[in-house]
C-alpha atoms as a PDB file:
ATOM      1  CA  MET A   1       7.101 -22.343  -0.619  1.00  0.00           C
ATOM      2  CA  PRO A   2       6.534 -20.321  -3.763  1.00  0.00           C
ATOM      3  CA  THR A   3       4.111 -17.452  -3.616  1.00  0.00           C
ATOM      4  CA  GLU A   4       1.108 -17.493  -6.173  1.00  0.00           C
ATOM      5  CA  PHE A   5       0.681 -14.336  -7.931  1.00  0.00           C
ATOM      6  CA  ILE A   6      -2.616 -13.044  -8.704  1.00  0.00           C
ATOM      7  CA  GLN A   7      -3.577 -10.381 -11.305  1.00  0.00           C
ATOM      8  CA  ARG A   8      -5.125  -7.460  -9.821  1.00  0.00           C
ATOM      9  CA  THR A   9      -8.957  -6.537 -10.483  1.00  0.00           C
ATOM     10  CA  LEU A  10     -10.626  -3.270 -10.013  1.00  0.00           C
ATOM     11  CA  PRO A  11     -12.885  -2.891  -6.918  1.00  0.00           C
ATOM     12  CA  LYS A  12     -16.518  -3.504  -8.107  1.00  0.00           C
ATOM     13  CA  ASP A  13     -18.039   0.047  -7.029  1.00  0.00           C
ATOM     14  CA  ASP A  14     -16.733   2.898  -9.221  1.00  0.00           C
ATOM     15  CA  ALA A  15     -16.773   5.414  -6.178  1.00  0.00           C
ATOM     16  CA  GLU A  16     -14.754   2.877  -4.245  1.00  0.00           C
ATOM     17  CA  ALA A  17     -12.253   2.323  -7.076  1.00  0.00           C
ATOM     18  CA  ALA A  18     -11.811   6.016  -7.498  1.00  0.00           C
ATOM     19  CA  LYS A  19     -10.687   6.366  -3.911  1.00  0.00           C
ATOM     20  CA  PHE A  20      -8.353   3.294  -3.655  1.00  0.00           C
ATOM     21  CA  PHE A  21      -6.623   4.531  -6.928  1.00  0.00           C
ATOM     22  CA  ASP A  22      -6.283   8.141  -5.724  1.00  0.00           C
ATOM     23  CA  PRO A  23      -2.718   8.564  -4.053  1.00  0.00           C
ATOM     24  CA  ASN A  24      -3.902  11.972  -2.815  1.00  0.00           C
ATOM     25  CA  ARG A  25      -6.374  10.426  -0.459  1.00  0.00           C
ATOM     26  CA  ILE A  26      -3.464   8.713   1.571  1.00  0.00           C
ATOM     27  CA  PRO A  27      -3.225  10.602   4.952  1.00  0.00           C
ATOM     28  CA  HIS A  28       0.218  12.435   5.368  1.00  0.00           C
ATOM     29  CA  VAL A  29       1.246  11.413   1.757  1.00  0.00           C
ATOM     30  CA  SER A  30       4.345  12.696   0.349  1.00  0.00           C
ATOM     31  CA  SER A  31       5.288  12.892  -3.156  1.00  0.00           C
ATOM     32  CA  GLY A  32       7.601   9.985  -2.823  1.00  0.00           C
ATOM     33  CA  CYS A  33       4.835   7.932  -1.135  1.00  0.00           C
ATOM     34  CA  ALA A  34       2.446   8.885  -3.992  1.00  0.00           C
ATOM     35  CA  ARG A  35       4.878   7.620  -6.471  1.00  0.00           C
ATOM     36  CA  LEU A  36       5.497   4.319  -4.492  1.00  0.00           C
ATOM     37  CA  TYR A  37       1.615   3.906  -4.204  1.00  0.00           C
ATOM     38  CA  ASP A  38       1.403   3.916  -7.931  1.00  0.00           C
ATOM     39  CA  ALA A  39       3.962   1.187  -7.985  1.00  0.00           C
ATOM     40  CA  PHE A  40       1.791  -0.661  -5.226  1.00  0.00           C
ATOM     41  CA  LEU A  41      -1.274  -0.320  -7.454  1.00  0.00           C
ATOM     42  CA  ASP A  42       0.836  -1.659 -10.511  1.00  0.00           C
ATOM     43  CA  ALA A  43       2.180  -4.699  -8.294  1.00  0.00           C
ATOM     44  CA  ASP A  44       0.529  -8.224  -8.619  1.00  0.00           C
ATOM     45  CA  LEU A  45      -0.975  -9.533  -5.699  1.00  0.00           C
ATOM     46  CA  PRO A  46      -0.515 -10.283  -2.796  1.00  0.00           C
ATOM     47  CA  ARG A  47       0.540  -6.754  -1.961  1.00  0.00           C
ATOM     48  CA  ALA A  48       0.572  -4.292   1.064  1.00  0.00           C
ATOM     49  CA  PHE A  49       1.181  -0.704   1.490  1.00  0.00           C
ATOM     50  CA  ALA A  50       1.998   0.921   4.884  1.00  0.00           C
ATOM     51  CA  ILE A  51       2.128   4.676   5.954  1.00  0.00           C
ATOM     52  CA  SER A  52       3.308   6.687   9.037  1.00  0.00           C
ATOM     53  CA  VAL A  53       2.094   9.979  10.062  1.00  0.00           C
ATOM     54  CA  ASP A  54       5.326  11.510   9.614  1.00  0.00           C
ATOM     55  CA  GLY A  55       5.115  10.982   5.677  1.00  0.00           C
ATOM     56  CA  HIS A  56       7.014   7.769   5.381  1.00  0.00           C
ATOM     57  CA  CYS A  57       5.643   4.558   3.678  1.00  0.00           C
ATOM     58  CA  GLY A  58       6.548   1.282   2.442  1.00  0.00           C
ATOM     59  CA  PHE A  59       5.097  -1.542   0.022  1.00  0.00           C
ATOM     60  CA  ALA A  60       5.882  -5.015  -0.864  1.00  0.00           C
ATOM     61  CA  ASN A  61       4.321  -7.654  -2.889  1.00  0.00           C
ATOM     62  CA  GLY A  62       4.939 -11.383  -3.007  1.00  0.00           C
ATOM     63  CA  GLU A  63       5.857 -13.352   0.040  1.00  0.00           C
ATOM     64  CA  ASP A  64       4.589 -11.812   3.394  1.00  0.00           C
ATOM     65  CA  PRO A  65       3.742  -8.357   1.924  1.00  0.00           C
ATOM     66  CA  THR A  66       2.348  -7.069   5.145  1.00  0.00           C
ATOM     67  CA  ARG A  67       5.336  -7.705   7.360  1.00  0.00           C
ATOM     68  CA  ARG A  68       7.777  -6.537   4.519  1.00  0.00           C
ATOM     69  CA  ALA A  69       5.666  -3.206   3.737  1.00  0.00           C
ATOM     70  CA  LEU A  70       5.742  -2.446   7.541  1.00  0.00           C
ATOM     71  CA  ASP A  71       9.284  -2.976   7.846  1.00  0.00           C
ATOM     72  CA  PHE A  72      10.043  -0.763   4.768  1.00  0.00           C
ATOM     73  CA  CYS A  73       8.081   1.904   6.175  1.00  0.00           C
ATOM     74  CA  ARG A  74       9.620   1.613   9.787  1.00  0.00           C
ATOM     75  CA  ARG A  75      13.183   1.933   8.141  1.00  0.00           C
ATOM     76  CA  ASN A  76      12.973   5.816   8.038  1.00  0.00           C
ATOM     77  CA  ALA A  77       9.725   6.716   9.962  1.00  0.00           C
ATOM     78  CA  LYS A  78      10.079   8.181  13.424  1.00  0.00           C
ATOM     79  CA  GLU A  79       6.349   7.618  14.107  1.00  0.00           C
ATOM     80  CA  PRO A  80       4.687   4.242  13.829  1.00  0.00           C
ATOM     81  CA  CYS A  81       3.657   2.777  10.557  1.00  0.00           C
ATOM     82  CA  LYS A  82       0.277   1.269   9.965  1.00  0.00           C
ATOM     83  CA  LEU A  83      -1.105  -0.871   7.050  1.00  0.00           C
ATOM     84  CA  TYR A  84      -2.932   1.375   4.697  1.00  0.00           C
ATOM     85  CA  ALA A  85      -3.880  -0.958   1.997  1.00  0.00           C
ATOM     86  CA  LEU A  86      -3.794  -4.785   1.434  1.00  0.00           C
ATOM     87  CA  ASP A  87      -4.337  -6.322  -1.986  1.00  0.00           C
ATOM     88  CA  GLU A  88      -7.507  -4.408  -3.261  1.00  0.00           C
ATOM     89  CA  LYS A  89      -8.801  -3.209   0.097  1.00  0.00           C
ATOM     90  CA  PHE A  90      -8.331  -0.192   2.338  1.00  0.00           C
ATOM     91  CA  VAL A  91      -7.234  -1.262   5.920  1.00  0.00           C
ATOM     92  CA  VAL A  92      -6.585   2.124   7.501  1.00  0.00           C
ATOM     93  CA  ASP A  93      -9.368   4.684   6.408  1.00  0.00           C
END
């Protein structure tokens, strides 16, 4: 079944939007993950971004983005990966 893509919208609250769009707010962020988070922010919905405490990350959009983002993160991470953001929301704070 084809995935429906939805254009992204900004979070309603300016302070929340500032946090959501700031890659430096991501725990254990590496420069590569900061760049990947920028790509996540530019991606159409549905989308997901996952992180690990050892500085690895993964992102996916389209079909089953949560599973795929976690899979991409796990490819190089030696620590468990957790979902950080899904669509327009923080999952891990």
